[in-house]
N, C-alpha and C. Protein backbone atom coordinates (compact mmCIF):
# COMPACT_ATOMS: atom_id res chain seq x y z
N MET A 1 -15.96 35.45 -28.21
CA MET A 1 -15.76 33.99 -28.32
C MET A 1 -15.23 33.71 -29.73
N SER A 2 -14.19 32.87 -29.80
CA SER A 2 -13.64 32.54 -31.10
C SER A 2 -14.60 31.63 -31.87
N ALA A 3 -14.39 31.61 -33.15
CA ALA A 3 -15.23 30.77 -33.99
C ALA A 3 -15.12 29.26 -33.63
N LEU A 4 -13.87 28.84 -33.34
CA LEU A 4 -13.69 27.45 -32.99
C LEU A 4 -14.31 27.13 -31.63
N ARG A 5 -14.26 28.04 -30.69
CA ARG A 5 -14.91 27.82 -29.39
C ARG A 5 -16.41 27.70 -29.57
N ARG A 6 -16.97 28.52 -30.43
CA ARG A 6 -18.44 28.47 -30.68
C ARG A 6 -18.79 27.13 -31.31
N ILE A 7 -18.00 26.68 -32.22
CA ILE A 7 -18.24 25.34 -32.84
C ILE A 7 -18.11 24.24 -31.84
N SER A 8 -17.06 24.25 -31.04
CA SER A 8 -16.84 23.19 -30.06
C SER A 8 -17.95 23.18 -28.99
N ASP A 9 -18.40 24.36 -28.56
CA ASP A 9 -19.49 24.47 -27.62
C ASP A 9 -20.78 23.88 -28.25
N GLY A 10 -20.99 24.13 -29.54
CA GLY A 10 -22.17 23.55 -30.22
C GLY A 10 -22.08 22.05 -30.30
N LEU A 11 -20.88 21.50 -30.53
CA LEU A 11 -20.70 20.04 -30.58
C LEU A 11 -20.99 19.43 -29.22
N ALA A 12 -20.48 20.13 -28.18
CA ALA A 12 -20.72 19.64 -26.78
C ALA A 12 -22.19 19.63 -26.46
N ASP A 13 -22.89 20.69 -26.89
CA ASP A 13 -24.33 20.76 -26.63
C ASP A 13 -25.08 19.62 -27.34
N LYS A 14 -24.65 19.34 -28.60
CA LYS A 14 -25.28 18.25 -29.36
C LYS A 14 -24.96 16.93 -28.75
N ALA A 15 -23.75 16.73 -28.26
CA ALA A 15 -23.38 15.50 -27.55
C ALA A 15 -24.22 15.32 -26.27
N ASP A 16 -24.38 16.41 -25.52
CA ASP A 16 -25.22 16.39 -24.32
C ASP A 16 -26.63 15.97 -24.63
N ALA A 17 -27.16 16.50 -25.72
CA ALA A 17 -28.53 16.19 -26.14
C ALA A 17 -28.63 14.70 -26.54
N ASN A 18 -27.59 14.22 -27.25
CA ASN A 18 -27.56 12.79 -27.61
C ASN A 18 -27.56 11.91 -26.36
N ILE A 19 -26.75 12.29 -25.36
CA ILE A 19 -26.66 11.50 -24.13
C ILE A 19 -27.97 11.52 -23.38
N SER A 20 -28.61 12.71 -23.37
CA SER A 20 -29.91 12.80 -22.73
C SER A 20 -30.96 11.92 -23.39
N LYS A 21 -30.91 11.83 -24.69
CA LYS A 21 -31.86 11.02 -25.45
C LYS A 21 -31.57 9.56 -25.39
N TRP A 22 -30.30 9.17 -25.55
CA TRP A 22 -29.91 7.76 -25.71
C TRP A 22 -29.18 7.17 -24.54
N GLY A 23 -28.77 7.99 -23.55
CA GLY A 23 -27.96 7.53 -22.47
C GLY A 23 -26.53 7.42 -22.87
N LEU A 24 -25.67 7.05 -21.91
CA LEU A 24 -24.25 6.88 -22.21
C LEU A 24 -24.04 5.55 -22.89
N GLN A 25 -23.79 5.56 -24.15
CA GLN A 25 -23.70 4.33 -24.94
C GLN A 25 -22.30 3.76 -24.87
N ASP A 26 -22.16 2.48 -25.20
CA ASP A 26 -20.85 1.81 -25.15
C ASP A 26 -20.03 2.18 -26.39
N GLU A 27 -18.72 1.86 -26.30
CA GLU A 27 -17.80 2.23 -27.36
C GLU A 27 -18.20 1.69 -28.74
N ALA A 28 -18.60 0.43 -28.78
CA ALA A 28 -18.96 -0.18 -30.09
C ALA A 28 -20.11 0.57 -30.72
N THR A 29 -21.13 0.88 -29.96
CA THR A 29 -22.29 1.60 -30.51
C THR A 29 -21.87 2.98 -31.01
N LEU A 30 -21.09 3.67 -30.23
CA LEU A 30 -20.65 5.01 -30.61
C LEU A 30 -19.73 4.99 -31.84
N ILE A 31 -18.83 4.04 -31.91
CA ILE A 31 -17.95 3.97 -33.06
C ILE A 31 -18.69 3.59 -34.30
N LEU A 32 -19.61 2.64 -34.18
CA LEU A 32 -20.42 2.32 -35.37
C LEU A 32 -21.28 3.49 -35.82
N ALA A 33 -21.86 4.22 -34.88
CA ALA A 33 -22.64 5.40 -35.23
C ALA A 33 -21.75 6.46 -35.90
N ALA A 34 -20.54 6.64 -35.36
CA ALA A 34 -19.61 7.62 -35.97
C ALA A 34 -19.19 7.21 -37.37
N THR A 35 -19.03 5.90 -37.59
CA THR A 35 -18.70 5.39 -38.93
C THR A 35 -19.85 5.68 -39.87
N GLU A 36 -21.07 5.45 -39.42
CA GLU A 36 -22.21 5.78 -40.27
C GLU A 36 -22.27 7.24 -40.59
N GLU A 37 -22.02 8.08 -39.61
CA GLU A 37 -22.01 9.53 -39.83
C GLU A 37 -20.93 9.93 -40.82
N LEU A 38 -19.76 9.31 -40.70
CA LEU A 38 -18.68 9.61 -41.61
C LEU A 38 -19.09 9.28 -43.07
N GLY A 39 -19.79 8.16 -43.25
CA GLY A 39 -20.29 7.81 -44.55
C GLY A 39 -21.29 8.85 -45.06
N GLU A 40 -22.16 9.32 -44.19
CA GLU A 40 -23.12 10.33 -44.57
C GLU A 40 -22.44 11.71 -44.88
N LEU A 41 -21.34 12.00 -44.19
CA LEU A 41 -20.56 13.18 -44.46
C LEU A 41 -19.94 13.06 -45.85
N ALA A 42 -19.38 11.89 -46.15
CA ALA A 42 -18.77 11.70 -47.47
C ALA A 42 -19.79 11.78 -48.57
N GLN A 43 -20.96 11.19 -48.32
CA GLN A 43 -22.05 11.28 -49.32
C GLN A 43 -22.50 12.73 -49.56
N ALA A 44 -22.62 13.49 -48.46
CA ALA A 44 -23.02 14.87 -48.60
C ALA A 44 -21.98 15.66 -49.40
N PHE A 45 -20.71 15.38 -49.13
CA PHE A 45 -19.60 16.01 -49.84
C PHE A 45 -19.67 15.72 -51.35
N LEU A 46 -19.81 14.42 -51.65
CA LEU A 46 -19.86 14.03 -53.07
C LEU A 46 -21.08 14.63 -53.76
N LYS A 47 -22.19 14.66 -53.11
CA LYS A 47 -23.41 15.27 -53.75
C LYS A 47 -23.20 16.74 -53.96
N SER A 48 -22.52 17.44 -53.02
CA SER A 48 -22.31 18.88 -53.24
C SER A 48 -21.34 19.14 -54.39
N LYS A 49 -20.39 18.25 -54.60
CA LYS A 49 -19.39 18.45 -55.67
C LYS A 49 -19.88 17.99 -57.01
N HIS A 50 -20.72 16.96 -57.08
CA HIS A 50 -21.08 16.36 -58.35
C HIS A 50 -22.56 16.34 -58.71
N GLU A 51 -23.42 16.66 -57.74
CA GLU A 51 -24.84 16.56 -58.00
C GLU A 51 -25.61 17.79 -57.54
N GLY A 52 -24.89 18.85 -57.29
CA GLY A 52 -25.58 20.10 -56.92
C GLY A 52 -26.14 20.08 -55.48
N GLY A 53 -25.60 19.21 -54.61
CA GLY A 53 -26.08 19.17 -53.26
C GLY A 53 -25.71 20.42 -52.47
N GLN A 54 -26.33 20.57 -51.33
CA GLN A 54 -26.14 21.78 -50.53
C GLN A 54 -24.95 21.63 -49.62
N ILE A 55 -24.14 22.69 -49.50
CA ILE A 55 -23.01 22.70 -48.61
C ILE A 55 -23.45 22.61 -47.16
N GLY A 56 -24.60 23.16 -46.86
CA GLY A 56 -25.11 23.11 -45.49
C GLY A 56 -25.28 21.67 -44.96
N ARG A 57 -25.54 20.78 -45.88
CA ARG A 57 -25.68 19.34 -45.49
C ARG A 57 -24.34 18.77 -45.02
N ILE A 58 -23.23 19.24 -45.64
CA ILE A 58 -21.92 18.81 -45.23
C ILE A 58 -21.68 19.29 -43.81
N THR A 59 -22.02 20.52 -43.50
CA THR A 59 -21.87 21.04 -42.16
C THR A 59 -22.70 20.25 -41.16
N ASP A 60 -23.94 19.96 -41.51
CA ASP A 60 -24.80 19.21 -40.57
C ASP A 60 -24.21 17.85 -40.27
N GLU A 61 -23.75 17.16 -41.30
CA GLU A 61 -23.19 15.83 -41.08
C GLU A 61 -21.91 15.90 -40.27
N ALA A 62 -21.07 16.93 -40.51
CA ALA A 62 -19.84 17.09 -39.78
C ALA A 62 -20.18 17.37 -38.29
N LYS A 63 -21.23 18.12 -38.02
CA LYS A 63 -21.61 18.36 -36.64
C LYS A 63 -22.12 17.09 -35.96
N ASP A 64 -22.88 16.29 -36.67
CA ASP A 64 -23.32 14.97 -36.12
C ASP A 64 -22.11 14.12 -35.79
N LEU A 65 -21.13 14.04 -36.68
CA LEU A 65 -19.96 13.26 -36.43
C LEU A 65 -19.13 13.82 -35.28
N GLY A 66 -19.00 15.14 -35.26
CA GLY A 66 -18.24 15.77 -34.17
C GLY A 66 -18.82 15.50 -32.79
N ALA A 67 -20.18 15.54 -32.71
CA ALA A 67 -20.83 15.27 -31.44
C ALA A 67 -20.59 13.84 -31.00
N LEU A 68 -20.63 12.89 -31.94
CA LEU A 68 -20.34 11.48 -31.58
C LEU A 68 -18.90 11.34 -31.15
N CYS A 69 -17.97 12.04 -31.74
CA CYS A 69 -16.55 11.99 -31.33
C CYS A 69 -16.43 12.54 -29.91
N CYS A 70 -17.13 13.60 -29.60
CA CYS A 70 -17.17 14.13 -28.21
C CYS A 70 -17.68 13.10 -27.24
N GLN A 71 -18.71 12.35 -27.62
CA GLN A 71 -19.26 11.33 -26.80
C GLN A 71 -18.28 10.19 -26.56
N ILE A 72 -17.56 9.81 -27.58
CA ILE A 72 -16.52 8.78 -27.47
C ILE A 72 -15.48 9.20 -26.46
N ILE A 73 -14.98 10.43 -26.61
CA ILE A 73 -13.95 10.96 -25.71
C ILE A 73 -14.51 11.00 -24.29
N TYR A 74 -15.70 11.49 -24.14
CA TYR A 74 -16.32 11.55 -22.80
C TYR A 74 -16.42 10.18 -22.15
N LEU A 75 -16.87 9.21 -22.95
CA LEU A 75 -17.02 7.86 -22.42
C LEU A 75 -15.67 7.30 -21.97
N LEU A 76 -14.66 7.44 -22.78
CA LEU A 76 -13.35 6.88 -22.47
C LEU A 76 -12.74 7.61 -21.23
N GLU A 77 -12.93 8.91 -21.12
CA GLU A 77 -12.44 9.60 -19.94
C GLU A 77 -13.23 9.18 -18.73
N HIS A 78 -14.53 9.02 -18.88
CA HIS A 78 -15.43 8.63 -17.80
C HIS A 78 -15.01 7.27 -17.29
N LYS A 79 -14.66 6.36 -18.15
CA LYS A 79 -14.25 5.00 -17.77
C LYS A 79 -12.85 5.03 -17.11
N SER A 80 -11.97 5.85 -17.66
CA SER A 80 -10.60 5.82 -17.16
C SER A 80 -10.44 6.46 -15.75
N ASP A 81 -11.38 7.31 -15.35
CA ASP A 81 -11.28 7.90 -14.02
C ASP A 81 -12.09 7.13 -12.99
N GLY A 82 -12.53 5.94 -13.33
CA GLY A 82 -13.17 5.05 -12.36
C GLY A 82 -14.66 5.23 -12.24
N ARG A 83 -15.26 6.15 -12.99
CA ARG A 83 -16.70 6.34 -12.89
C ARG A 83 -17.49 5.44 -13.82
N GLY A 84 -16.79 4.86 -14.80
CA GLY A 84 -17.47 4.01 -15.78
C GLY A 84 -17.48 2.55 -15.35
N GLU A 85 -17.67 1.73 -16.39
CA GLU A 85 -17.76 0.26 -16.16
C GLU A 85 -16.54 -0.33 -15.52
């Protein structure tokens, strides 16, 4: 398995877990959550560059953001094929 496939599978697993926990959320909720995660990713990056923060935190935040992006794509595809609202 390629490294990118492993990463994308991990993001899909995290997105599935999010949906199991929170249900299929609407676009506004997901986009606001993704925006928050992007801010946390930026903060983790700045801390790693200027305050001795851990690089692993950047990876964790990127995974959280990636999972939310997967959920947004899933929701939009789900709606466009007639299964959604």
